[in-house]
Amino acid sequence: MTEPSRSIRDTVQVRRAALTATLGLAAASWVVALREMHGMDMGVATTLGSFAFFVAVWVSMTAAMMLPGAAPAVLRRTDASTRMRTVPVFLGSYLVVWTLVGVAVYALYRPHGYSAAGAVAIAAGIYELTPLKQHFRRRCRESVRSGFAFGLYCVGSSIGLMLILVAVGVMSIAWMSVIAALILAQKLLPPKAALDVALALAIIGFGILIIIAPSSVPGLTPPM
């Protein structure tokens, strides 16, 4: 076998292993998150529990939600370096950024009312329309040197959507799934003004609905 052929084969094998590891970790994180979050959802009245418990849940939640969308960046990383050991470092530093976000959420979060949840959703919808959001979204889709930098860009891109989750039900499996789908779509699909504006307006409308008719929004009211 010639040297170029061996190099191509090695690259393909590393890419395949990196993708399998990334998606496998995401799948395992979904299992952990679903198990730990079961029965915890109380809508806007959700409490976070102890610091250690919440951080553990938050890490599994964000790994489940974010790693599928990070797979293209992981593959680009293997193109720059065919060493498989760079993948855990990249993913680990990426998740460190989201863990720090979770620490901030724990410090700032309080059980709240419908008006606060609606205001957060409206603010998130407005953020979707800003040049800053578009900048972070673009950078989150590009090659970066480290998982930490990639994490910072992706936090900037997805923070509005994640704050909606925190506002309407931070332990809600249903809302986690909806937000995860939106984040994945934004990471994998190219920006299109019509779709992006429609989503932003839908989020703003959702926030207004929370304020004026909270009982019509599933999961906001604590289960009886």
N, C-alpha and C. Protein backbone atom coordinates (compact mmCIF):
# COMPACT_ATOMS: atom_id res chain seq x y z
N MET A 1 0.85 -1.20 0.00
CA MET A 1 0.00 0.00 0.00
C MET A 1 0.88 1.24 0.00
N THR A 2 0.58 2.17 -0.87
CA THR A 2 1.38 3.38 -0.95
C THR A 2 1.11 4.27 0.25
N GLU A 3 2.05 5.18 0.51
CA GLU A 3 1.93 6.08 1.66
C GLU A 3 0.70 6.97 1.58
N PRO A 4 0.37 7.58 0.41
CA PRO A 4 -0.86 8.39 0.34
C PRO A 4 -2.11 7.58 0.64
N SER A 5 -2.17 6.34 0.14
CA SER A 5 -3.34 5.50 0.39
C SER A 5 -3.47 5.19 1.87
N ARG A 6 -2.35 4.90 2.53
CA ARG A 6 -2.38 4.63 3.97
C ARG A 6 -2.83 5.87 4.74
N SER A 7 -2.38 7.03 4.32
CA SER A 7 -2.76 8.28 4.99
C SER A 7 -4.25 8.54 4.84
N ILE A 8 -4.79 8.30 3.65
CA ILE A 8 -6.23 8.49 3.43
C ILE A 8 -7.02 7.51 4.28
N ARG A 9 -6.57 6.26 4.33
CA ARG A 9 -7.27 5.26 5.13
C ARG A 9 -7.25 5.64 6.61
N ASP A 10 -6.12 6.10 7.09
CA ASP A 10 -6.01 6.50 8.50
C ASP A 10 -6.94 7.67 8.81
N THR A 11 -6.99 8.63 7.88
CA THR A 11 -7.87 9.79 8.09
C THR A 11 -9.33 9.37 8.15
N VAL A 12 -9.73 8.49 7.25
CA VAL A 12 -11.11 8.01 7.24
C VAL A 12 -11.43 7.28 8.54
N GLN A 13 -10.52 6.47 9.01
CA GLN A 13 -10.74 5.73 10.24
C GLN A 13 -10.87 6.66 11.44
N VAL A 14 -10.01 7.68 11.49
CA VAL A 14 -10.07 8.63 12.59
C VAL A 14 -11.37 9.42 12.54
N ARG A 15 -11.78 9.85 11.36
CA ARG A 15 -13.03 10.59 11.22
C ARG A 15 -14.21 9.74 11.66
N ARG A 16 -14.20 8.48 11.27
CA ARG A 16 -15.29 7.58 11.65
C ARG A 16 -15.31 7.36 13.16
N ALA A 17 -14.15 7.18 13.74
CA ALA A 17 -14.08 6.98 15.18
C ALA A 17 -14.50 8.25 15.93
N ALA A 18 -14.09 9.41 15.43
CA ALA A 18 -14.43 10.68 16.07
C ALA A 18 -15.93 10.92 16.02
N LEU A 19 -16.55 10.65 14.87
CA LEU A 19 -18.00 10.83 14.73
C LEU A 19 -18.75 9.87 15.63
N THR A 20 -18.29 8.61 15.67
CA THR A 20 -18.94 7.61 16.53
C THR A 20 -18.85 8.02 18.00
N ALA A 21 -17.68 8.49 18.41
CA ALA A 21 -17.49 8.89 19.80
C ALA A 21 -18.36 10.09 20.15
N THR A 22 -18.45 11.06 19.25
CA THR A 22 -19.23 12.26 19.52
C THR A 22 -20.71 11.94 19.64
N LEU A 23 -21.24 11.21 18.66
CA LEU A 23 -22.67 10.88 18.69
C LEU A 23 -22.99 9.86 19.77
N GLY A 24 -22.04 8.97 20.06
CA GLY A 24 -22.26 8.01 21.15
C GLY A 24 -22.34 8.70 22.49
N LEU A 25 -21.46 9.70 22.71
CA LEU A 25 -21.50 10.46 23.95
C LEU A 25 -22.79 11.26 24.05
N ALA A 26 -23.24 11.80 22.92
CA ALA A 26 -24.51 12.53 22.92
C ALA A 26 -25.67 11.61 23.29
N ALA A 27 -25.69 10.42 22.72
CA ALA A 27 -26.77 9.47 23.02
C ALA A 27 -26.75 9.06 24.48
N ALA A 28 -25.55 8.78 25.01
CA ALA A 28 -25.45 8.42 26.43
C ALA A 28 -25.89 9.57 27.32
N SER A 29 -25.59 10.79 26.90
CA SER A 29 -25.98 11.97 27.68
C SER A 29 -27.50 12.14 27.68
N TRP A 30 -28.14 11.83 26.57
CA TRP A 30 -29.61 11.86 26.55
C TRP A 30 -30.19 10.88 27.57
N VAL A 31 -29.64 9.69 27.62
CA VAL A 31 -30.13 8.69 28.57
C VAL A 31 -29.99 9.19 30.01
N VAL A 32 -28.82 9.74 30.33
CA VAL A 32 -28.59 10.25 31.68
C VAL A 32 -29.52 11.42 32.00
N ALA A 33 -29.63 12.36 31.04
CA ALA A 33 -30.47 13.53 31.27
C ALA A 33 -31.93 13.14 31.47
N LEU A 34 -32.43 12.24 30.64
CA LEU A 34 -33.83 11.82 30.76
C LEU A 34 -34.09 11.14 32.10
N ARG A 35 -33.13 10.36 32.55
CA ARG A 35 -33.29 9.67 33.84
C ARG A 35 -33.26 10.65 35.00
N GLU A 36 -32.32 11.58 34.98
CA GLU A 36 -32.16 12.50 36.10
C GLU A 36 -33.25 13.57 36.13
N MET A 37 -33.77 13.97 34.96
CA MET A 37 -34.76 15.03 34.89
C MET A 37 -36.18 14.52 35.10
N HIS A 38 -36.37 13.21 35.05
CA HIS A 38 -37.72 12.64 35.17
C HIS A 38 -38.37 13.06 36.49
N GLY A 39 -39.54 13.66 36.40
CA GLY A 39 -40.27 14.08 37.59
C GLY A 39 -39.83 15.39 38.19
N MET A 40 -38.82 16.04 37.60
CA MET A 40 -38.29 17.28 38.16
C MET A 40 -38.98 18.53 37.60
N ASP A 41 -39.69 18.38 36.47
CA ASP A 41 -40.25 19.55 35.80
C ASP A 41 -41.45 20.11 36.57
N MET A 42 -41.34 21.37 36.95
CA MET A 42 -42.44 22.08 37.59
C MET A 42 -42.72 23.40 36.87
N GLY A 43 -42.40 23.44 35.57
CA GLY A 43 -42.63 24.65 34.81
C GLY A 43 -41.82 25.82 35.33
N VAL A 44 -42.48 26.98 35.43
CA VAL A 44 -41.77 28.18 35.90
C VAL A 44 -41.44 28.09 37.39
N ALA A 45 -42.04 27.13 38.09
CA ALA A 45 -41.79 26.97 39.52
C ALA A 45 -40.70 25.94 39.81
N THR A 46 -40.01 25.46 38.76
CA THR A 46 -38.98 24.44 38.93
C THR A 46 -37.86 24.95 39.84
N THR A 47 -37.44 24.09 40.77
CA THR A 47 -36.27 24.38 41.59
C THR A 47 -35.09 23.55 41.07
N LEU A 48 -33.89 23.98 41.36
CA LEU A 48 -32.70 23.37 40.76
C LEU A 48 -32.06 22.29 41.62
N GLY A 49 -32.42 22.20 42.88
CA GLY A 49 -31.76 21.24 43.74
C GLY A 49 -30.38 21.72 44.15
N SER A 50 -29.55 20.79 44.59
CA SER A 50 -28.21 21.15 45.04
C SER A 50 -27.34 21.55 43.86
N PHE A 51 -26.27 22.26 44.16
CA PHE A 51 -25.34 22.71 43.12
C PHE A 51 -24.76 21.51 42.37
N ALA A 52 -24.30 20.50 43.08
CA ALA A 52 -23.68 19.34 42.43
C ALA A 52 -24.68 18.62 41.54
N PHE A 53 -25.91 18.46 42.04
CA PHE A 53 -26.94 17.78 41.24
C PHE A 53 -27.23 18.57 39.97
N PHE A 54 -27.43 19.88 40.10
CA PHE A 54 -27.79 20.66 38.92
C PHE A 54 -26.67 20.68 37.90
N VAL A 55 -25.43 20.85 38.34
CA VAL A 55 -24.31 20.89 37.39
C VAL A 55 -24.21 19.56 36.65
N ALA A 56 -24.40 18.46 37.37
CA ALA A 56 -24.34 17.15 36.72
C ALA A 56 -25.44 17.02 35.66
N VAL A 57 -26.66 17.46 36.01
CA VAL A 57 -27.76 17.41 35.06
C VAL A 57 -27.51 18.35 33.89
N TRP A 58 -27.01 19.54 34.20
CA TRP A 58 -26.76 20.52 33.15
C TRP A 58 -25.71 20.03 32.16
N VAL A 59 -24.65 19.41 32.65
CA VAL A 59 -23.60 18.90 31.77
C VAL A 59 -24.17 17.81 30.86
N SER A 60 -24.94 16.89 31.43
CA SER A 60 -25.52 15.84 30.60
C SER A 60 -26.53 16.43 29.62
N MET A 61 -27.31 17.42 30.06
CA MET A 61 -28.28 18.07 29.19
C MET A 61 -27.61 18.76 28.01
N THR A 62 -26.60 19.57 28.31
CA THR A 62 -25.94 20.31 27.23
C THR A 62 -25.15 19.39 26.31
N ALA A 63 -24.56 18.34 26.86
CA ALA A 63 -23.87 17.37 26.00
C ALA A 63 -24.85 16.71 25.05
N ALA A 64 -26.01 16.34 25.57
CA ALA A 64 -27.04 15.71 24.73
C ALA A 64 -27.52 16.66 23.64
N MET A 65 -27.72 17.92 24.00
CA MET A 65 -28.28 18.89 23.07
C MET A 65 -27.27 19.42 22.07
N MET A 66 -26.03 19.61 22.50
CA MET A 66 -25.05 20.33 21.70
C MET A 66 -24.10 19.44 20.89
N LEU A 67 -23.81 18.24 21.36
CA LEU A 67 -22.79 17.45 20.68
C LEU A 67 -23.17 17.02 19.26
N PRO A 68 -24.45 16.68 18.98
CA PRO A 68 -24.75 16.35 17.58
C PRO A 68 -24.41 17.49 16.62
N GLY A 69 -24.72 18.71 17.03
CA GLY A 69 -24.40 19.86 16.20
C GLY A 69 -22.92 20.18 16.14
N ALA A 70 -22.16 19.66 17.10
CA ALA A 70 -20.71 19.88 17.12
C ALA A 70 -19.96 18.88 16.25
N ALA A 71 -20.66 17.86 15.76
CA ALA A 71 -19.99 16.81 15.00
C ALA A 71 -19.24 17.35 13.78
N PRO A 72 -19.81 18.28 12.99
CA PRO A 72 -19.02 18.80 11.86
C PRO A 72 -17.71 19.46 12.29
N ALA A 73 -17.75 20.18 13.42
CA ALA A 73 -16.53 20.82 13.92
C ALA A 73 -15.51 19.77 14.34
N VAL A 74 -15.98 18.68 14.93
CA VAL A 74 -15.08 17.60 15.32
C VAL A 74 -14.43 16.99 14.09
N LEU A 75 -15.20 16.80 13.04
CA LEU A 75 -14.64 16.23 11.81
C LEU A 75 -13.63 17.19 11.17
N ARG A 76 -13.93 18.48 11.22
CA ARG A 76 -12.96 19.44 10.71
C ARG A 76 -11.68 19.40 11.53
N ARG A 77 -11.84 19.15 12.82
CA ARG A 77 -10.67 19.06 13.70
C ARG A 77 -9.80 17.87 13.32
N THR A 78 -10.41 16.76 12.95
CA THR A 78 -9.64 15.59 12.55
C THR A 78 -8.96 15.81 11.21
N ASP A 79 -9.50 16.70 10.38
CA ASP A 79 -8.82 17.03 9.13
C ASP A 79 -7.51 17.77 9.41
N ALA A 80 -7.52 18.57 10.47
CA ALA A 80 -6.31 19.32 10.83
C ALA A 80 -5.29 18.46 11.55
N SER A 81 -5.79 17.46 12.26
CA SER A 81 -4.90 16.56 12.99
C SER A 81 -5.52 15.18 13.00
N THR A 82 -4.79 14.18 12.50
CA THR A 82 -5.34 12.82 12.43
C THR A 82 -5.15 12.06 13.73
N ARG A 83 -4.76 12.74 14.78
CA ARG A 83 -4.58 12.07 16.08
C ARG A 83 -5.90 12.05 16.82
N MET A 84 -6.39 10.87 17.13
CA MET A 84 -7.69 10.71 17.78
C MET A 84 -7.72 11.35 19.15
N ARG A 85 -6.56 11.44 19.81
CA ARG A 85 -6.55 11.97 21.17
C ARG A 85 -6.90 13.46 21.21
N THR A 86 -6.87 14.14 20.07
CA THR A 86 -7.26 15.54 20.08
C THR A 86 -8.77 15.71 20.22
N VAL A 87 -9.54 14.68 19.90
CA VAL A 87 -11.01 14.78 19.95
C VAL A 87 -11.52 14.92 21.37
N PRO A 88 -11.11 14.05 22.33
CA PRO A 88 -11.58 14.25 23.71
C PRO A 88 -11.21 15.61 24.28
N VAL A 89 -10.02 16.10 23.94
CA VAL A 89 -9.61 17.42 24.42
C VAL A 89 -10.52 18.50 23.85
N PHE A 90 -10.81 18.39 22.56
CA PHE A 90 -11.68 19.37 21.91
C PHE A 90 -13.08 19.35 22.52
N LEU A 91 -13.66 18.16 22.65
CA LEU A 91 -15.02 18.05 23.20
C LEU A 91 -15.05 18.44 24.67
N GLY A 92 -14.01 18.03 25.42
CA GLY A 92 -13.98 18.37 26.83
C GLY A 92 -13.93 19.86 27.08
N SER A 93 -13.08 20.56 26.33
CA SER A 93 -12.98 22.01 26.51
C SER A 93 -14.24 22.70 26.02
N TYR A 94 -14.88 22.14 25.00
CA TYR A 94 -16.16 22.67 24.52
C TYR A 94 -17.22 22.58 25.62
N LEU A 95 -17.29 21.44 26.28
CA LEU A 95 -18.29 21.26 27.33
C LEU A 95 -17.96 22.06 28.59
N VAL A 96 -16.68 22.36 28.80
CA VAL A 96 -16.31 23.22 29.93
C VAL A 96 -17.00 24.58 29.81
N VAL A 97 -17.06 25.11 28.60
CA VAL A 97 -17.71 26.41 28.39
C VAL A 97 -19.18 26.33 28.79
N TRP A 98 -19.86 25.28 28.33
CA TRP A 98 -21.28 25.13 28.68
C TRP A 98 -21.46 24.86 30.16
N THR A 99 -20.49 24.20 30.79
CA THR A 99 -20.56 23.99 32.24
C THR A 99 -20.50 25.32 32.98
N LEU A 100 -19.64 26.22 32.53
CA LEU A 100 -19.56 27.55 33.14
C LEU A 100 -20.87 28.31 32.98
N VAL A 101 -21.52 28.13 31.83
CA VAL A 101 -22.85 28.73 31.65
C VAL A 101 -23.82 28.16 32.68
N GLY A 102 -23.74 26.87 32.90
CA GLY A 102 -24.60 26.24 33.91
C GLY A 102 -24.37 26.78 35.30
N VAL A 103 -23.12 27.03 35.65
CA VAL A 103 -22.80 27.62 36.95
C VAL A 103 -23.45 29.00 37.07
N ALA A 104 -23.39 29.78 35.99
CA ALA A 104 -24.02 31.10 36.00
C ALA A 104 -25.53 30.98 36.14
N VAL A 105 -26.12 30.02 35.45
CA VAL A 105 -27.57 29.80 35.56
C VAL A 105 -27.94 29.47 37.00
N TYR A 106 -27.16 28.59 37.62
CA TYR A 106 -27.46 28.21 39.01
C TYR A 106 -27.39 29.42 39.94
N ALA A 107 -26.42 30.29 39.70
CA ALA A 107 -26.24 31.46 40.57
C ALA A 107 -27.37 32.47 40.39
N LEU A 108 -27.91 32.58 39.18
CA LEU A 108 -28.88 33.63 38.89
C LEU A 108 -30.33 33.16 38.89
N TYR A 109 -30.55 31.88 38.70
CA TYR A 109 -31.91 31.38 38.53
C TYR A 109 -32.70 31.42 39.83
N ARG A 110 -33.97 31.77 39.69
CA ARG A 110 -34.95 31.65 40.77
C ARG A 110 -36.27 31.18 40.17
N PRO A 111 -37.05 30.39 40.89
CA PRO A 111 -38.42 30.14 40.41
C PRO A 111 -39.11 31.47 40.16
N HIS A 112 -39.89 31.57 39.09
CA HIS A 112 -40.38 32.86 38.65
C HIS A 112 -41.80 32.75 38.13
N GLY A 113 -42.33 33.85 37.66
CA GLY A 113 -43.69 33.87 37.16
C GLY A 113 -43.76 33.85 35.65
N TYR A 114 -45.00 33.87 35.14
CA TYR A 114 -45.20 33.79 33.70
C TYR A 114 -44.68 35.04 32.99
N SER A 115 -44.84 36.19 33.61
CA SER A 115 -44.39 37.42 32.95
C SER A 115 -42.88 37.40 32.72
N ALA A 116 -42.14 36.91 33.71
CA ALA A 116 -40.68 36.82 33.56
C ALA A 116 -40.31 35.83 32.45
N ALA A 117 -41.01 34.70 32.41
CA ALA A 117 -40.74 33.71 31.36
C ALA A 117 -41.04 34.29 29.99
N GLY A 118 -42.16 35.00 29.88
CA GLY A 118 -42.51 35.62 28.61
C GLY A 118 -41.52 36.68 28.18
N ALA A 119 -41.06 37.48 29.14
CA ALA A 119 -40.09 38.53 28.83
C ALA A 119 -38.78 37.92 28.33
N VAL A 120 -38.35 36.82 28.93
CA VAL A 120 -37.13 36.15 28.48
C VAL A 120 -37.30 35.65 27.04
N ALA A 121 -38.45 35.06 26.75
CA ALA A 121 -38.69 34.56 25.39
C ALA A 121 -38.71 35.70 24.38
N ILE A 122 -39.35 36.81 24.73
CA ILE A 122 -39.37 37.96 23.82
C ILE A 122 -37.96 38.48 23.58
N ALA A 123 -37.17 38.59 24.65
CA ALA A 123 -35.79 39.05 24.51
C ALA A 123 -34.98 38.08 23.65
N ALA A 124 -35.22 36.79 23.82
CA ALA A 124 -34.51 35.78 23.01
C ALA A 124 -34.88 35.91 21.55
N GLY A 125 -36.17 36.17 21.26
CA GLY A 125 -36.59 36.35 19.89
C GLY A 125 -35.95 37.57 19.25
N ILE A 126 -35.87 38.66 20.00
CA ILE A 126 -35.21 39.87 19.49
C ILE A 126 -33.73 39.59 19.24
N TYR A 127 -33.10 38.85 20.14
CA TYR A 127 -31.67 38.53 19.98
C TYR A 127 -31.42 37.76 18.69
N GLU A 128 -32.38 36.90 18.30
CA GLU A 128 -32.22 36.14 17.06
C GLU A 128 -32.07 37.04 15.84
N LEU A 129 -32.55 38.27 15.93
CA LEU A 129 -32.52 39.20 14.80
C LEU A 129 -31.28 40.08 14.77
N THR A 130 -30.44 39.99 15.79
CA THR A 130 -29.32 40.91 15.91
C THR A 130 -28.11 40.45 15.10
N PRO A 131 -27.29 41.38 14.65
CA PRO A 131 -26.03 41.01 13.98
C PRO A 131 -25.10 40.20 14.87
N LEU A 132 -25.15 40.43 16.19
CA LEU A 132 -24.30 39.67 17.10
C LEU A 132 -24.64 38.19 17.05
N LYS A 133 -25.93 37.88 17.07
CA LYS A 133 -26.36 36.48 16.96
C LYS A 133 -25.85 35.88 15.66
N GLN A 134 -26.00 36.59 14.56
CA GLN A 134 -25.57 36.07 13.26
C GLN A 134 -24.05 35.89 13.20
N HIS A 135 -23.32 36.79 13.86
CA HIS A 135 -21.86 36.65 13.92
C HIS A 135 -21.46 35.37 14.64
N PHE A 136 -22.06 35.14 15.80
CA PHE A 136 -21.72 33.94 16.57
C PHE A 136 -22.16 32.67 15.84
N ARG A 137 -23.31 32.74 15.21
CA ARG A 137 -23.80 31.57 14.48
C ARG A 137 -22.84 31.22 13.34
N ARG A 138 -22.36 32.23 12.64
CA ARG A 138 -21.43 31.98 11.54
C ARG A 138 -20.12 31.40 12.06
N ARG A 139 -19.61 31.97 13.15
CA ARG A 139 -18.35 31.47 13.70
C ARG A 139 -18.50 30.07 14.26
N CYS A 140 -19.69 29.75 14.77
CA CYS A 140 -19.95 28.41 15.31
C CYS A 140 -19.94 27.36 14.20
N ARG A 141 -20.07 27.78 12.95
CA ARG A 141 -20.09 26.86 11.82
C ARG A 141 -18.73 26.79 11.12
N GLU A 142 -17.76 27.57 11.59
CA GLU A 142 -16.46 27.63 10.95
C GLU A 142 -15.42 26.83 11.74
N SER A 143 -14.26 26.63 11.12
CA SER A 143 -13.17 25.95 11.80
C SER A 143 -12.59 26.86 12.89
N VAL A 144 -12.29 26.30 14.03
CA VAL A 144 -11.70 27.04 15.13
C VAL A 144 -10.52 26.24 15.68
N ARG A 145 -9.67 26.94 16.43
CA ARG A 145 -8.45 26.29 16.90
C ARG A 145 -8.68 25.38 18.09
N SER A 146 -9.66 25.69 18.91
CA SER A 146 -9.83 24.92 20.15
C SER A 146 -11.31 24.72 20.45
N GLY A 147 -11.58 23.70 21.28
CA GLY A 147 -12.94 23.47 21.72
C GLY A 147 -13.46 24.60 22.59
N PHE A 148 -12.55 25.24 23.32
CA PHE A 148 -12.97 26.35 24.19
C PHE A 148 -13.48 27.51 23.34
N ALA A 149 -12.73 27.86 22.29
CA ALA A 149 -13.17 28.94 21.40
C ALA A 149 -14.46 28.57 20.69
N PHE A 150 -14.53 27.32 20.24
CA PHE A 150 -15.75 26.84 19.60
C PHE A 150 -16.93 26.95 20.56
N GLY A 151 -16.71 26.59 21.82
CA GLY A 151 -17.76 26.69 22.81
C GLY A 151 -18.24 28.11 23.01
N LEU A 152 -17.31 29.05 23.05
CA LEU A 152 -17.69 30.46 23.24
C LEU A 152 -18.57 30.94 22.09
N TYR A 153 -18.18 30.59 20.86
CA TYR A 153 -18.98 31.00 19.70
C TYR A 153 -20.36 30.35 19.74
N CYS A 154 -20.41 29.08 20.11
CA CYS A 154 -21.69 28.37 20.11
C CYS A 154 -22.59 28.83 21.26
N VAL A 155 -22.00 29.20 22.38
CA VAL A 155 -22.80 29.81 23.45
C VAL A 155 -23.42 31.10 22.95
N GLY A 156 -22.62 31.92 22.28
CA GLY A 156 -23.15 33.16 21.74
C GLY A 156 -24.26 32.93 20.73
N SER A 157 -24.16 31.84 19.97
CA SER A 157 -25.17 31.53 18.98
C SER A 157 -26.45 30.99 19.60
N SER A 158 -26.32 30.15 20.63
CA SER A 158 -27.47 29.41 21.16
C SER A 158 -28.00 29.92 22.49
N ILE A 159 -27.39 30.96 23.04
CA ILE A 159 -27.76 31.37 24.40
C ILE A 159 -29.21 31.80 24.50
N GLY A 160 -29.73 32.47 23.47
CA GLY A 160 -31.13 32.90 23.52
C GLY A 160 -32.07 31.72 23.62
N LEU A 161 -31.85 30.70 22.79
CA LEU A 161 -32.69 29.52 22.82
C LEU A 161 -32.56 28.78 24.14
N MET A 162 -31.34 28.71 24.67
CA MET A 162 -31.15 28.03 25.95
C MET A 162 -31.84 28.77 27.09
N LEU A 163 -31.86 30.10 27.02
CA LEU A 163 -32.54 30.86 28.07
C LEU A 163 -34.04 30.65 28.02
N ILE A 164 -34.58 30.39 26.83
CA ILE A 164 -36.00 30.04 26.75
C ILE A 164 -36.26 28.76 27.53
N LEU A 165 -35.39 27.77 27.34
CA LEU A 165 -35.53 26.52 28.08
C LEU A 165 -35.49 26.76 29.58
N VAL A 166 -34.52 27.57 30.02
CA VAL A 166 -34.40 27.87 31.44
C VAL A 166 -35.67 28.56 31.95
N ALA A 167 -36.23 29.45 31.14
CA ALA A 167 -37.38 30.24 31.57
C ALA A 167 -38.67 29.44 31.64
N VAL A 168 -38.90 28.56 30.64
CA VAL A 168 -40.19 27.86 30.60
C VAL A 168 -40.18 26.55 31.35
N GLY A 169 -39.00 25.98 31.58
CA GLY A 169 -38.95 24.72 32.32
C GLY A 169 -37.60 24.07 32.18
N VAL A 170 -36.67 24.46 33.03
CA VAL A 170 -35.29 24.04 32.87
C VAL A 170 -35.12 22.53 33.02
N MET A 171 -36.08 21.86 33.67
CA MET A 171 -36.02 20.41 33.81
C MET A 171 -37.06 19.72 32.93
N SER A 172 -37.56 20.42 31.92
CA SER A 172 -38.59 19.86 31.04
C SER A 172 -37.96 19.06 29.91
N ILE A 173 -38.27 17.79 29.86
CA ILE A 173 -37.74 16.94 28.79
C ILE A 173 -38.34 17.36 27.44
N ALA A 174 -39.63 17.70 27.44
CA ALA A 174 -40.28 18.09 26.18
C ALA A 174 -39.67 19.36 25.62
N TRP A 175 -39.52 20.40 26.45
CA TRP A 175 -38.94 21.65 25.97
C TRP A 175 -37.46 21.48 25.64
N MET A 176 -36.77 20.62 26.36
CA MET A 176 -35.37 20.34 26.03
C MET A 176 -35.27 19.77 24.62
N SER A 177 -36.19 18.88 24.26
CA SER A 177 -36.17 18.27 22.93
C SER A 177 -36.45 19.30 21.85
N VAL A 178 -37.41 20.20 22.10
CA VAL A 178 -37.75 21.23 21.12
C VAL A 178 -36.56 22.16 20.90
N ILE A 179 -35.97 22.63 21.98
CA ILE A 179 -34.84 23.56 21.87
C ILE A 179 -33.64 22.87 21.23
N ALA A 180 -33.41 21.60 21.57
CA ALA A 180 -32.30 20.86 20.96
C ALA A 180 -32.47 20.77 19.45
N ALA A 181 -33.70 20.54 18.99
CA ALA A 181 -33.96 20.44 17.55
C ALA A 181 -33.69 21.77 16.86
N LEU A 182 -34.10 22.88 17.48
CA LEU A 182 -33.85 24.20 16.89
C LEU A 182 -32.36 24.51 16.83
N ILE A 183 -31.64 24.20 17.91
CA ILE A 183 -30.21 24.46 17.93
C ILE A 183 -29.49 23.62 16.88
N LEU A 184 -29.86 22.34 16.77
CA LEU A 184 -29.23 21.47 15.78
C LEU A 184 -29.48 22.00 14.36
N ALA A 185 -30.71 22.44 14.09
CA ALA A 185 -31.03 22.97 12.77
C ALA A 185 -30.20 24.20 12.46
N GLN A 186 -30.02 25.08 13.45
CA GLN A 186 -29.24 26.29 13.21
C GLN A 186 -27.76 25.98 13.01
N LYS A 187 -27.28 24.91 13.60
CA LYS A 187 -25.87 24.56 13.44
C LYS A 187 -25.59 23.88 12.11
N LEU A 188 -26.58 23.14 11.61
CA LEU A 188 -26.33 22.34 10.41
C LEU A 188 -26.83 22.99 9.13
N LEU A 189 -27.87 23.83 9.24
CA LEU A 189 -28.45 24.43 8.04
C LEU A 189 -27.86 25.83 7.81
N PRO A 190 -27.64 26.20 6.56
CA PRO A 190 -27.13 27.55 6.28
C PRO A 190 -28.19 28.60 6.63
N PRO A 191 -27.77 29.77 7.08
CA PRO A 191 -28.73 30.83 7.42
C PRO A 191 -29.56 31.23 6.20
N LYS A 192 -30.86 31.39 6.42
CA LYS A 192 -31.76 31.91 5.40
C LYS A 192 -32.64 32.95 6.05
N ALA A 193 -32.61 34.16 5.51
CA ALA A 193 -33.27 35.28 6.16
C ALA A 193 -34.74 35.00 6.43
N ALA A 194 -35.43 34.41 5.46
CA ALA A 194 -36.87 34.17 5.63
C ALA A 194 -37.15 33.25 6.81
N LEU A 195 -36.38 32.18 6.90
CA LEU A 195 -36.58 31.23 7.99
C LEU A 195 -36.15 31.82 9.33
N ASP A 196 -35.03 32.52 9.33
CA ASP A 196 -34.51 33.08 10.58
C ASP A 196 -35.45 34.14 11.14
N VAL A 197 -35.96 35.00 10.27
CA VAL A 197 -36.90 36.03 10.72
C VAL A 197 -38.20 35.39 11.20
N ALA A 198 -38.66 34.38 10.47
CA ALA A 198 -39.90 33.70 10.87
C ALA A 198 -39.73 33.06 12.25
N LEU A 199 -38.58 32.43 12.49
CA LEU A 199 -38.34 31.83 13.80
C LEU A 199 -38.30 32.89 14.89
N ALA A 200 -37.60 33.99 14.63
CA ALA A 200 -37.51 35.06 15.62
C ALA A 200 -38.89 35.62 15.96
N LEU A 201 -39.70 35.85 14.94
CA LEU A 201 -41.04 36.38 15.18
C LEU A 201 -41.91 35.37 15.92
N ALA A 202 -41.72 34.08 15.61
CA ALA A 202 -42.47 33.03 16.31
C ALA A 202 -42.09 33.00 17.79
N ILE A 203 -40.81 33.18 18.08
CA ILE A 203 -40.36 33.19 19.48
C ILE A 203 -40.93 34.40 20.21
N ILE A 204 -40.91 35.55 19.56
CA ILE A 204 -41.48 36.75 20.17
C ILE A 204 -42.97 36.55 20.42
N GLY A 205 -43.67 36.00 19.44
CA GLY A 205 -45.09 35.70 19.63
C GLY A 205 -45.32 34.71 20.75
N PHE A 206 -44.43 33.74 20.87
CA PHE A 206 -44.52 32.77 21.95
C PHE A 206 -44.38 33.45 23.30
N GLY A 207 -43.45 34.40 23.40
CA GLY A 207 -43.28 35.14 24.64
C GLY A 207 -44.51 35.94 25.00
N ILE A 208 -45.11 36.56 24.00
CA ILE A 208 -46.34 37.33 24.25
C ILE A 208 -47.46 36.40 24.71
N LEU A 209 -47.55 35.22 24.08
CA LEU A 209 -48.57 34.25 24.47
C LEU A 209 -48.40 33.81 25.92
N ILE A 210 -47.15 33.61 26.34
CA ILE A 210 -46.89 33.23 27.73
C ILE A 210 -47.44 34.29 28.68
N ILE A 211 -47.27 35.54 28.33
CA ILE A 211 -47.71 36.63 29.22
C ILE A 211 -49.22 36.76 29.27
N ILE A 212 -49.86 36.66 28.09
CA ILE A 212 -51.31 36.94 28.06
C ILE A 212 -52.16 35.69 28.27
N ALA A 213 -51.62 34.51 27.97
CA ALA A 213 -52.42 33.28 28.12
C ALA A 213 -51.53 32.13 28.54
N PRO A 214 -50.93 32.19 29.72
CA PRO A 214 -49.97 31.16 30.15
C PRO A 214 -50.56 29.76 30.21
N SER A 215 -51.84 29.66 30.49
CA SER A 215 -52.46 28.33 30.61
C SER A 215 -52.50 27.60 29.28
N SER A 216 -52.32 28.32 28.16
CA SER A 216 -52.36 27.70 26.84
C SER A 216 -51.00 27.11 26.43
N VAL A 217 -49.97 27.37 27.22
CA VAL A 217 -48.63 26.90 26.90
C VAL A 217 -48.34 25.64 27.70
N PRO A 218 -48.11 24.50 27.05
CA PRO A 218 -47.87 23.25 27.78
C PRO A 218 -46.63 23.34 28.67
N GLY A 219 -46.77 22.80 29.88
CA GLY A 219 -45.62 22.67 30.76
C GLY A 219 -45.29 23.86 31.61
N LEU A 220 -45.96 25.00 31.41
CA LEU A 220 -45.65 26.16 32.23
C LEU A 220 -46.21 26.04 33.64
N THR A 221 -47.39 25.44 33.72
CA THR A 221 -48.05 25.32 35.02
C THR A 221 -47.55 24.07 35.73
N PRO A 222 -47.19 24.15 36.98
CA PRO A 222 -46.77 22.95 37.73
C PRO A 222 -47.86 21.90 37.69
N PRO A 223 -47.52 20.64 37.42
CA PRO A 223 -48.53 19.57 37.36
C PRO A 223 -49.23 19.41 38.71
N MET A 224 -50.51 19.12 38.63
CA MET A 224 -51.29 18.94 39.86
C MET A 224 -51.04 17.55 40.45
